[in-house]
Amino acid sequence: MPVTLEELAKVQDHISTPELLRARAQLKAGLLMSLESTGSRCEQIARQWQIFGRIIPASETVAKIEAVTEADIRAVAAKIFRTRPTLATLGPIRQVPRLTNIIDRLAA
């Protein structure tokens, strides 16, 4: 868990350009690959219709992914990590850091 907390805290400080490019490529690939599945496409259409009242073209979603900046990611990470996290554990609970320690690590 310490390594995970360290990586999450880093997101608030710095996202490298290669990381951002890799994340964009992964998101776009997942989106475009999901269009090949009829079931997945139907779920997307239903969800978009229910939430936005319209079907959003893949090109619009790709453009929004491309528009995300390092500053956007840092801002969202800072906002998320200012709130109190929910913690669920499985396994030896004595090895899990106290919630206050987790909060302190994320508040970097």
N, C-alpha and C. Protein backbone atom coordinates (compact mmCIF):
# COMPACT_ATOMS: atom_id res chain seq x y z
N MET A 1 0.80 -1.20 0.00
CA MET A 1 0.00 0.00 0.00
C MET A 1 0.85 1.27 0.00
N PRO A 2 2.01 1.27 0.64
CA PRO A 2 2.82 2.50 0.62
C PRO A 2 3.19 2.94 -0.80
N VAL A 3 3.49 1.99 -1.67
CA VAL A 3 3.87 2.34 -3.05
C VAL A 3 2.68 2.95 -3.78
N THR A 4 1.49 2.38 -3.59
CA THR A 4 0.28 2.90 -4.22
C THR A 4 0.01 4.33 -3.75
N LEU A 5 0.12 4.56 -2.45
CA LEU A 5 -0.11 5.90 -1.90
C LEU A 5 0.91 6.89 -2.45
N GLU A 6 2.15 6.45 -2.58
CA GLU A 6 3.19 7.32 -3.11
C GLU A 6 2.89 7.71 -4.56
N GLU A 7 2.46 6.76 -5.36
CA GLU A 7 2.13 7.05 -6.76
C GLU A 7 0.92 7.97 -6.86
N LEU A 8 -0.09 7.74 -6.03
CA LEU A 8 -1.27 8.61 -6.04
C LEU A 8 -0.90 10.04 -5.63
N ALA A 9 -0.04 10.17 -4.66
CA ALA A 9 0.39 11.50 -4.22
C ALA A 9 1.17 12.21 -5.31
N LYS A 10 1.96 11.47 -6.09
CA LYS A 10 2.76 12.07 -7.17
C LYS A 10 1.88 12.73 -8.23
N VAL A 11 0.69 12.18 -8.45
CA VAL A 11 -0.21 12.72 -9.48
C VAL A 11 -0.55 14.17 -9.20
N GLN A 12 -0.55 14.55 -7.94
CA GLN A 12 -0.88 15.93 -7.58
C GLN A 12 0.24 16.90 -7.92
N ASP A 13 1.46 16.38 -8.04
CA ASP A 13 2.61 17.24 -8.25
C ASP A 13 3.08 17.29 -9.69
N HIS A 14 3.14 16.13 -10.32
CA HIS A 14 3.74 16.09 -11.64
C HIS A 14 3.23 14.92 -12.46
N ILE A 15 2.82 15.22 -13.66
CA ILE A 15 2.49 14.21 -14.66
C ILE A 15 3.44 14.48 -15.82
N SER A 16 4.22 13.50 -16.21
CA SER A 16 5.14 13.73 -17.32
C SER A 16 4.38 13.68 -18.64
N THR A 17 4.94 14.31 -19.63
CA THR A 17 4.32 14.32 -20.95
C THR A 17 4.18 12.89 -21.50
N PRO A 18 5.20 12.05 -21.37
CA PRO A 18 5.02 10.66 -21.86
C PRO A 18 3.89 9.93 -21.13
N GLU A 19 3.74 10.17 -19.83
CA GLU A 19 2.63 9.54 -19.09
C GLU A 19 1.28 10.01 -19.61
N LEU A 20 1.17 11.30 -19.85
CA LEU A 20 -0.08 11.86 -20.36
C LEU A 20 -0.38 11.30 -21.75
N LEU A 21 0.61 11.25 -22.62
CA LEU A 21 0.41 10.71 -23.96
C LEU A 21 0.01 9.23 -23.92
N ARG A 22 0.64 8.49 -23.02
CA ARG A 22 0.32 7.06 -22.86
C ARG A 22 -1.11 6.88 -22.36
N ALA A 23 -1.50 7.69 -21.39
CA ALA A 23 -2.86 7.60 -20.84
C ALA A 23 -3.90 7.96 -21.90
N ARG A 24 -3.62 9.00 -22.67
CA ARG A 24 -4.55 9.37 -23.74
C ARG A 24 -4.69 8.23 -24.75
N ALA A 25 -3.55 7.66 -25.14
CA ALA A 25 -3.59 6.57 -26.13
C ALA A 25 -4.37 5.37 -25.59
N GLN A 26 -4.18 5.07 -24.32
CA GLN A 26 -4.88 3.93 -23.72
C GLN A 26 -6.38 4.19 -23.67
N LEU A 27 -6.78 5.38 -23.28
CA LEU A 27 -8.21 5.72 -23.24
C LEU A 27 -8.84 5.65 -24.63
N LYS A 28 -8.16 6.23 -25.60
CA LYS A 28 -8.70 6.23 -26.97
C LYS A 28 -8.78 4.81 -27.52
N ALA A 29 -7.76 4.01 -27.26
CA ALA A 29 -7.77 2.62 -27.75
C ALA A 29 -8.92 1.85 -27.12
N GLY A 30 -9.13 2.01 -25.82
CA GLY A 30 -10.24 1.33 -25.14
C GLY A 30 -11.58 1.76 -25.70
N LEU A 31 -11.72 3.06 -25.92
CA LEU A 31 -12.97 3.58 -26.46
C LEU A 31 -13.24 3.01 -27.85
N LEU A 32 -12.24 3.08 -28.71
CA LEU A 32 -12.43 2.64 -30.08
C LEU A 32 -12.59 1.12 -30.18
N MET A 33 -11.89 0.39 -29.33
CA MET A 33 -12.05 -1.07 -29.33
C MET A 33 -13.44 -1.46 -28.85
N SER A 34 -13.99 -0.71 -27.91
CA SER A 34 -15.32 -1.03 -27.39
C SER A 34 -16.40 -0.84 -28.44
N LEU A 35 -16.12 -0.03 -29.45
CA LEU A 35 -17.10 0.18 -30.52
C LEU A 35 -17.29 -1.07 -31.38
N GLU A 36 -16.34 -2.00 -31.29
CA GLU A 36 -16.42 -3.22 -32.10
C GLU A 36 -17.40 -4.23 -31.51
N SER A 37 -17.75 -4.07 -30.24
CA SER A 37 -18.68 -4.99 -29.58
C SER A 37 -20.09 -4.40 -29.63
N THR A 38 -21.03 -5.17 -30.20
CA THR A 38 -22.41 -4.69 -30.30
C THR A 38 -23.00 -4.41 -28.92
N GLY A 39 -22.76 -5.32 -27.99
CA GLY A 39 -23.30 -5.13 -26.64
C GLY A 39 -22.73 -3.90 -25.97
N SER A 40 -21.43 -3.71 -26.09
CA SER A 40 -20.78 -2.55 -25.50
C SER A 40 -21.29 -1.26 -26.13
N ARG A 41 -21.43 -1.28 -27.44
CA ARG A 41 -21.92 -0.09 -28.15
C ARG A 41 -23.34 0.26 -27.71
N CYS A 42 -24.19 -0.77 -27.56
CA CYS A 42 -25.56 -0.53 -27.10
C CYS A 42 -25.57 0.06 -25.69
N GLU A 43 -24.70 -0.46 -24.82
CA GLU A 43 -24.61 0.08 -23.46
C GLU A 43 -24.17 1.54 -23.48
N GLN A 44 -23.18 1.86 -24.33
CA GLN A 44 -22.71 3.24 -24.44
C GLN A 44 -23.82 4.17 -24.91
N ILE A 45 -24.53 3.74 -25.94
CA ILE A 45 -25.62 4.57 -26.48
C ILE A 45 -26.69 4.80 -25.42
N ALA A 46 -27.07 3.74 -24.72
CA ALA A 46 -28.10 3.87 -23.68
C ALA A 46 -27.64 4.80 -22.56
N ARG A 47 -26.38 4.64 -22.14
CA ARG A 47 -25.85 5.48 -21.06
C ARG A 47 -25.79 6.94 -21.50
N GLN A 48 -25.31 7.18 -22.72
CA GLN A 48 -25.22 8.55 -23.22
C GLN A 48 -26.60 9.18 -23.36
N TRP A 49 -27.53 8.42 -23.85
CA TRP A 49 -28.89 8.94 -24.03
C TRP A 49 -29.50 9.28 -22.67
N GLN A 50 -29.28 8.39 -21.70
CA GLN A 50 -29.85 8.59 -20.36
C GLN A 50 -29.21 9.79 -19.65
N ILE A 51 -27.91 9.93 -19.77
CA ILE A 51 -27.20 10.99 -19.04
C ILE A 51 -27.22 12.32 -19.78
N PHE A 52 -26.95 12.29 -21.09
CA PHE A 52 -26.78 13.52 -21.85
C PHE A 52 -27.95 13.86 -22.76
N GLY A 53 -28.86 12.89 -22.96
CA GLY A 53 -30.00 13.12 -23.83
C GLY A 53 -29.64 13.11 -25.30
N ARG A 54 -28.46 12.61 -25.62
CA ARG A 54 -28.03 12.51 -27.01
C ARG A 54 -26.92 11.47 -27.12
N ILE A 55 -26.69 11.02 -28.33
CA ILE A 55 -25.61 10.09 -28.59
C ILE A 55 -24.37 10.91 -28.93
N ILE A 56 -23.30 10.66 -28.22
CA ILE A 56 -22.08 11.43 -28.41
C ILE A 56 -21.18 10.69 -29.39
N PRO A 57 -20.81 11.34 -30.48
CA PRO A 57 -19.93 10.69 -31.46
C PRO A 57 -18.55 10.39 -30.84
N ALA A 58 -17.95 9.29 -31.27
CA ALA A 58 -16.63 8.92 -30.76
C ALA A 58 -15.62 10.03 -31.01
N SER A 59 -15.76 10.71 -32.13
CA SER A 59 -14.81 11.79 -32.46
C SER A 59 -14.86 12.91 -31.41
N GLU A 60 -16.04 13.18 -30.86
CA GLU A 60 -16.17 14.20 -29.81
C GLU A 60 -15.48 13.76 -28.54
N THR A 61 -15.66 12.50 -28.19
CA THR A 61 -15.00 11.97 -26.99
C THR A 61 -13.49 11.97 -27.16
N VAL A 62 -13.00 11.58 -28.33
CA VAL A 62 -11.56 11.58 -28.60
C VAL A 62 -11.01 13.00 -28.50
N ALA A 63 -11.73 13.97 -29.02
CA ALA A 63 -11.29 15.37 -28.94
C ALA A 63 -11.19 15.83 -27.48
N LYS A 64 -12.15 15.40 -26.66
CA LYS A 64 -12.11 15.77 -25.24
C LYS A 64 -10.94 15.11 -24.53
N ILE A 65 -10.64 13.87 -24.89
CA ILE A 65 -9.48 13.18 -24.31
C ILE A 65 -8.20 13.93 -24.69
N GLU A 66 -8.10 14.32 -25.95
CA GLU A 66 -6.91 15.05 -26.43
C GLU A 66 -6.76 16.40 -25.74
N ALA A 67 -7.86 16.99 -25.30
CA ALA A 67 -7.83 18.32 -24.69
C ALA A 67 -7.38 18.30 -23.23
N VAL A 68 -7.33 17.14 -22.61
CA VAL A 68 -6.93 17.05 -21.20
C VAL A 68 -5.45 17.42 -21.06
N THR A 69 -5.17 18.30 -20.11
CA THR A 69 -3.79 18.75 -19.88
C THR A 69 -3.26 18.21 -18.56
N GLU A 70 -1.96 18.37 -18.38
CA GLU A 70 -1.34 17.97 -17.11
C GLU A 70 -1.94 18.77 -15.97
N ALA A 71 -2.21 20.04 -16.20
CA ALA A 71 -2.82 20.90 -15.16
C ALA A 71 -4.21 20.40 -14.79
N ASP A 72 -4.98 19.93 -15.77
CA ASP A 72 -6.31 19.38 -15.49
C ASP A 72 -6.21 18.18 -14.55
N ILE A 73 -5.26 17.31 -14.83
CA ILE A 73 -5.10 16.09 -14.01
C ILE A 73 -4.68 16.46 -12.60
N ARG A 74 -3.73 17.38 -12.48
CA ARG A 74 -3.29 17.80 -11.14
C ARG A 74 -4.45 18.43 -10.36
N ALA A 75 -5.26 19.24 -11.01
CA ALA A 75 -6.39 19.89 -10.34
C ALA A 75 -7.41 18.87 -9.85
N VAL A 76 -7.73 17.90 -10.69
CA VAL A 76 -8.70 16.87 -10.29
C VAL A 76 -8.13 16.02 -9.16
N ALA A 77 -6.86 15.66 -9.27
CA ALA A 77 -6.24 14.85 -8.21
C ALA A 77 -6.26 15.60 -6.88
N ALA A 78 -5.92 16.87 -6.91
CA ALA A 78 -5.93 17.67 -5.68
C ALA A 78 -7.33 17.72 -5.08
N LYS A 79 -8.32 17.88 -5.93
CA LYS A 79 -9.70 17.95 -5.45
C LYS A 79 -10.13 16.61 -4.84
N ILE A 80 -9.81 15.54 -5.51
CA ILE A 80 -10.19 14.21 -5.01
C ILE A 80 -9.52 13.91 -3.68
N PHE A 81 -8.23 14.22 -3.59
CA PHE A 81 -7.48 13.84 -2.39
C PHE A 81 -7.70 14.79 -1.21
N ARG A 82 -8.47 15.86 -1.41
CA ARG A 82 -8.84 16.72 -0.28
C ARG A 82 -9.99 16.12 0.52
N THR A 83 -10.73 15.18 -0.09
CA THR A 83 -11.86 14.57 0.61
C THR A 83 -11.40 13.34 1.37
N ARG A 84 -12.18 12.96 2.34
CA ARG A 84 -11.85 11.79 3.16
C ARG A 84 -12.11 10.52 2.33
N PRO A 85 -11.09 9.67 2.17
CA PRO A 85 -11.27 8.46 1.36
C PRO A 85 -12.08 7.40 2.08
N THR A 86 -12.64 6.51 1.31
CA THR A 86 -13.30 5.32 1.85
C THR A 86 -12.31 4.18 1.74
N LEU A 87 -12.20 3.40 2.76
CA LEU A 87 -11.21 2.33 2.79
C LEU A 87 -11.91 0.99 3.00
N ALA A 88 -11.64 0.05 2.12
CA ALA A 88 -12.12 -1.32 2.27
C ALA A 88 -10.91 -2.23 2.22
N THR A 89 -10.85 -3.19 3.10
CA THR A 89 -9.68 -4.07 3.13
C THR A 89 -10.10 -5.53 3.04
N LEU A 90 -9.17 -6.31 2.58
CA LEU A 90 -9.36 -7.75 2.49
C LEU A 90 -8.04 -8.39 2.89
N GLY A 91 -8.08 -9.27 3.84
CA GLY A 91 -6.85 -9.92 4.28
C GLY A 91 -6.44 -9.43 5.65
N PRO A 92 -5.16 -9.59 5.97
CA PRO A 92 -4.65 -9.22 7.30
C PRO A 92 -4.77 -7.71 7.55
N ILE A 93 -5.76 -7.33 8.31
CA ILE A 93 -6.06 -5.91 8.53
C ILE A 93 -4.95 -5.21 9.33
N ARG A 94 -4.20 -5.94 10.09
CA ARG A 94 -3.13 -5.32 10.90
C ARG A 94 -2.03 -4.73 10.03
N GLN A 95 -1.93 -5.18 8.79
CA GLN A 95 -0.88 -4.67 7.90
C GLN A 95 -1.32 -3.42 7.14
N VAL A 96 -2.57 -3.04 7.28
CA VAL A 96 -3.09 -1.87 6.58
C VAL A 96 -2.81 -0.63 7.42
N PRO A 97 -2.27 0.43 6.79
CA PRO A 97 -2.02 1.66 7.54
C PRO A 97 -3.33 2.25 8.08
N ARG A 98 -3.21 3.00 9.14
CA ARG A 98 -4.39 3.67 9.70
C ARG A 98 -4.92 4.68 8.68
N LEU A 99 -6.23 4.89 8.72
CA LEU A 99 -6.86 5.80 7.76
C LEU A 99 -6.26 7.20 7.86
N THR A 100 -5.94 7.65 9.05
CA THR A 100 -5.34 8.99 9.20
C THR A 100 -3.99 9.06 8.49
N ASN A 101 -3.22 7.97 8.52
CA ASN A 101 -1.92 7.95 7.83
C ASN A 101 -2.14 7.99 6.32
N ILE A 102 -3.15 7.29 5.84
CA ILE A 102 -3.46 7.31 4.39
C ILE A 102 -3.86 8.72 3.97
N ILE A 103 -4.71 9.35 4.76
CA ILE A 103 -5.16 10.72 4.45
C ILE A 103 -3.95 11.67 4.40
N ASP A 104 -3.05 11.53 5.37
CA ASP A 104 -1.87 12.39 5.39
C ASP A 104 -0.99 12.18 4.17
N ARG A 105 -0.84 10.93 3.74
CA ARG A 105 0.00 10.64 2.56
C ARG A 105 -0.62 11.20 1.28
N LEU A 106 -1.94 11.16 1.18
CA LEU A 106 -2.61 11.65 -0.02
C LEU A 106 -2.71 13.17 -0.06
N ALA A 107 -2.59 13.81 1.09
CA ALA A 107 -2.73 15.26 1.17
C ALA A 107 -1.43 15.98 0.81
N ALA A 108 -0.54 15.31 0.16
CA ALA A 108 0.79 15.83 -0.16
C ALA A 108 0.80 17.22 -0.69
